[in-house]
Amino acid sequence: MTLALTGKSRKRQGALITAALLAIVIAVIGALSAATSAFAHQANVSGKVECTADGWAVNWEIVGDFPKKKMHIDGFTVTAGTTTDPTPDPVPQGTKPQKATAKTTGIPYSVSSVTA
């Protein structure tokens, strides 16, 4: 869009300037919405221990902090034991709090760690 204002009536000049300002506002809003969706968020991981007939079990909980977006767990590893995959993955948008769970059996909490 060009703003060749010379030779135009005042009404036409006003309409062109208003259209240009509106285009700038729309572009800024679009850029801000794209930038906010790119912010990273972090999941908090915690474990609760339970004693089972077969030994120890750790119930892991992965809680996200940004419910406006889906929480997708890129990686989930435990140092030892048998672990179930975190479910659900991805955690749907709008879930408050965003929560996924996994379970490790066969190793005590004190010697296990998790990364998500």
C-alpha atoms as a PDB file:
ATOM      1  CA  MET A   1       0.000   0.000   0.000  1.00  0.00           C
ATOM      2  CA  THR A   2       1.411   3.376  -0.926  1.00  0.00           C
ATOM      3  CA  LEU A   3       0.429   6.657   0.615  1.00  0.00           C
ATOM      4  CA  ALA A   4       0.544   8.921  -2.397  1.00  0.00           C
ATOM      5  CA  LEU A   5      -1.420  11.656  -0.694  1.00  0.00           C
ATOM      6  CA  THR A   6      -0.798  14.498  -3.115  1.00  0.00           C
ATOM      7  CA  GLY A   7      -3.715  15.244  -5.367  1.00  0.00           C
ATOM      8  CA  LYS A   8      -6.211  13.403  -3.133  1.00  0.00           C
ATOM      9  CA  SER A   9      -9.102  14.942  -1.286  1.00  0.00           C
ATOM     10  CA  ARG A  10      -8.823  15.356   2.484  1.00  0.00           C
ATOM     11  CA  LYS A  11     -11.383  12.594   2.974  1.00  0.00           C
ATOM     12  CA  ARG A  12      -9.388  10.210   0.772  1.00  0.00           C
ATOM     13  CA  GLN A  13      -6.107  11.162   2.535  1.00  0.00           C
ATOM     14  CA  GLY A  14      -7.710  10.424   5.899  1.00  0.00           C
ATOM     15  CA  ALA A  15      -8.950   7.034   4.696  1.00  0.00           C
ATOM     16  CA  LEU A  16      -5.482   6.106   3.373  1.00  0.00           C
ATOM     17  CA  ILE A  17      -3.761   7.111   6.625  1.00  0.00           C
ATOM     18  CA  THR A  18      -6.360   5.216   8.679  1.00  0.00           C
ATOM     19  CA  ALA A  19      -5.884   2.090   6.528  1.00  0.00           C
ATOM     20  CA  ALA A  20      -2.099   2.316   6.905  1.00  0.00           C
ATOM     21  CA  LEU A  21      -2.328   2.650  10.700  1.00  0.00           C
ATOM     22  CA  LEU A  22      -4.771  -0.268  10.865  1.00  0.00           C
ATOM     23  CA  ALA A  23      -2.353  -2.429   8.853  1.00  0.00           C
ATOM     24  CA  ILE A  24       0.467  -1.552  11.267  1.00  0.00           C
ATOM     25  CA  VAL A  25      -1.687  -2.428  14.303  1.00  0.00           C
ATOM     26  CA  ILE A  26      -2.676  -5.780  12.776  1.00  0.00           C
ATOM     27  CA  ALA A  27       0.980  -6.562  11.962  1.00  0.00           C
ATOM     28  CA  VAL A  28       2.075  -5.752  15.536  1.00  0.00           C
ATOM     29  CA  ILE A  29      -0.693  -7.919  17.029  1.00  0.00           C
ATOM     30  CA  GLY A  30       0.286 -10.791  14.725  1.00  0.00           C
ATOM     31  CA  ALA A  31       3.971 -10.479  15.642  1.00  0.00           C
ATOM     32  CA  LEU A  32       3.196 -10.419  19.372  1.00  0.00           C
ATOM     33  CA  SER A  33       0.955 -13.487  19.186  1.00  0.00           C
ATOM     34  CA  ALA A  34       3.669 -15.393  17.314  1.00  0.00           C
ATOM     35  CA  ALA A  35       6.308 -14.321  19.844  1.00  0.00           C
ATOM     36  CA  THR A  36       4.309 -15.340  22.919  1.00  0.00           C
ATOM     37  CA  SER A  37       3.722 -18.837  21.559  1.00  0.00           C
ATOM     38  CA  ALA A  38       7.479 -19.307  21.236  1.00  0.00           C
ATOM     39  CA  PHE A  39       8.210 -18.842  24.956  1.00  0.00           C
ATOM     40  CA  ALA A  40       9.468 -22.014  26.542  1.00  0.00           C
ATOM     41  CA  HIS A  41       7.859 -23.469  29.592  1.00  0.00           C
ATOM     42  CA  GLN A  42       9.171 -25.917  32.083  1.00  0.00           C
ATOM     43  CA  ALA A  43       7.607 -28.953  33.682  1.00  0.00           C
ATOM     44  CA  ASN A  44       7.989 -29.685  37.369  1.00  0.00           C
ATOM     45  CA  VAL A  45       8.748 -33.318  38.142  1.00  0.00           C
ATOM     46  CA  SER A  46       8.065 -34.924  41.514  1.00  0.00           C
ATOM     47  CA  GLY A  47       7.969 -38.492  42.782  1.00  0.00           C
ATOM     48  CA  LYS A  48       6.057 -40.210  45.566  1.00  0.00           C
ATOM     49  CA  VAL A  49       7.269 -43.521  46.933  1.00  0.00           C
ATOM     50  CA  GLU A  50       5.084 -46.475  47.812  1.00  0.00           C
ATOM     51  CA  CYS A  51       5.997 -49.859  49.190  1.00  0.00           C
ATOM     52  CA  THR A  52       4.578 -52.732  47.161  1.00  0.00           C
ATOM     53  CA  ALA A  53       4.663 -56.509  47.563  1.00  0.00           C
ATOM     54  CA  ASP A  54       7.476 -56.617  44.961  1.00  0.00           C
ATOM     55  CA  GLY A  55       9.570 -53.843  46.530  1.00  0.00           C
ATOM     56  CA  TRP A  56       9.485 -50.143  45.824  1.00  0.00           C
ATOM     57  CA  ALA A  57       7.482 -48.086  43.354  1.00  0.00           C
ATOM     58  CA  VAL A  58       7.831 -44.399  42.531  1.00  0.00           C
ATOM     59  CA  ASN A  59       4.816 -42.565  41.144  1.00  0.00           C
ATOM     60  CA  TRP A  60       6.160 -39.708  39.030  1.00  0.00           C
ATOM     61  CA  GLU A  61       4.098 -36.610  38.328  1.00  0.00           C
ATOM     62  CA  ILE A  62       4.981 -34.134  35.586  1.00  0.00           C
ATOM     63  CA  VAL A  63       3.121 -30.841  35.942  1.00  0.00           C
ATOM     64  CA  GLY A  64       3.275 -28.104  33.302  1.00  0.00           C
ATOM     65  CA  ASP A  65       2.984 -24.379  33.909  1.00  0.00           C
ATOM     66  CA  PHE A  66       1.389 -23.092  30.683  1.00  0.00           C
ATOM     67  CA  PRO A  67      -2.176 -24.417  30.215  1.00  0.00           C
ATOM     68  CA  LYS A  68      -2.820 -22.296  27.100  1.00  0.00           C
ATOM     69  CA  LYS A  69      -0.651 -24.683  25.064  1.00  0.00           C
ATOM     70  CA  LYS A  70      -0.350 -28.449  24.749  1.00  0.00           C
ATOM     71  CA  MET A  71       2.367 -29.908  26.959  1.00  0.00           C
ATOM     72  CA  HIS A  72       4.409 -32.370  24.920  1.00  0.00           C
ATOM     73  CA  ILE A  73       7.023 -34.421  26.780  1.00  0.00           C
ATOM     74  CA  ASP A  74      10.050 -34.602  24.480  1.00  0.00           C
ATOM     75  CA  GLY A  75      12.060 -36.923  26.684  1.00  0.00           C
ATOM     76  CA  PHE A  76      11.539 -38.840  29.899  1.00  0.00           C
ATOM     77  CA  THR A  77      14.287 -40.994  31.378  1.00  0.00           C
ATOM     78  CA  VAL A  78      14.786 -42.654  34.735  1.00  0.00           C
ATOM     79  CA  THR A  79      18.202 -43.884  35.921  1.00  0.00           C
ATOM     80  CA  ALA A  80      17.069 -47.454  36.679  1.00  0.00           C
ATOM     81  CA  GLY A  81      14.086 -49.695  37.192  1.00  0.00           C
ATOM     82  CA  THR A  82      11.140 -50.366  34.909  1.00  0.00           C
ATOM     83  CA  THR A  83       9.232 -47.243  33.935  1.00  0.00           C
ATOM     84  CA  THR A  84       5.952 -46.659  32.155  1.00  0.00           C
ATOM     85  CA  ASP A  85       5.754 -43.855  29.590  1.00  0.00           C
ATOM     86  CA  PRO A  86       4.206 -40.611  30.824  1.00  0.00           C
ATOM     87  CA  THR A  87       0.507 -40.429  30.069  1.00  0.00           C
ATOM     88  CA  PRO A  88      -1.170 -38.548  28.619  1.00  0.00           C
ATOM     89  CA  ASP A  89       1.355 -37.188  26.159  1.00  0.00           C
ATOM     90  CA  PRO A  90       0.691 -34.600  24.909  1.00  0.00           C
ATOM     91  CA  VAL A  91      -1.376 -33.131  27.720  1.00  0.00           C
ATOM     92  CA  PRO A  92      -4.309 -31.312  26.073  1.00  0.00           C
ATOM     93  CA  GLN A  93      -4.521 -27.550  25.936  1.00  0.00           C
ATOM     94  CA  GLY A  94      -6.569 -25.892  28.678  1.00  0.00           C
ATOM     95  CA  THR A  95      -5.950 -28.589  31.297  1.00  0.00           C
ATOM     96  CA  LYS A  96      -5.291 -26.963  34.680  1.00  0.00           C
ATOM     97  CA  PRO A  97      -2.900 -28.070  35.979  1.00  0.00           C
ATOM     98  CA  GLN A  98      -1.300 -29.830  33.049  1.00  0.00           C
ATOM     99  CA  LYS A  99      -0.422 -33.212  34.482  1.00  0.00           C
ATOM    100  CA  ALA A 100       1.072 -36.460  33.223  1.00  0.00           C
ATOM    101  CA  THR A 101       2.065 -39.466  35.321  1.00  0.00           C
ATOM    102  CA  ALA A 102       4.521 -42.352  35.051  1.00  0.00           C
ATOM    103  CA  LYS A 103       5.500 -45.164  37.394  1.00  0.00           C
ATOM    104  CA  THR A 104       8.885 -46.734  38.157  1.00  0.00           C
ATOM    105  CA  THR A 105       9.125 -50.106  39.861  1.00  0.00           C
ATOM    106  CA  GLY A 106      12.073 -52.118  41.069  1.00  0.00           C
ATOM    107  CA  ILE A 107      14.227 -49.359  42.532  1.00  0.00           C
ATOM    108  CA  PRO A 108      13.949 -47.116  45.589  1.00  0.00           C
ATOM    109  CA  TYR A 109      13.361 -43.379  45.216  1.00  0.00           C
ATOM    110  CA  SER A 110      16.621 -42.516  46.969  1.00  0.00           C
ATOM    111  CA  VAL A 111      18.730 -43.917  44.100  1.00  0.00           C
ATOM    112  CA  SER A 112      16.502 -42.956  41.174  1.00  0.00           C
ATOM    113  CA  SER A 113      16.198 -39.663  39.377  1.00  0.00           C
ATOM    114  CA  VAL A 114      14.128 -38.471  36.489  1.00  0.00           C
ATOM    115  CA  THR A 115      14.551 -35.974  33.682  1.00  0.00           C
ATOM    116  CA  ALA A 116      11.666 -34.646  31.642  1.00  0.00           C
END
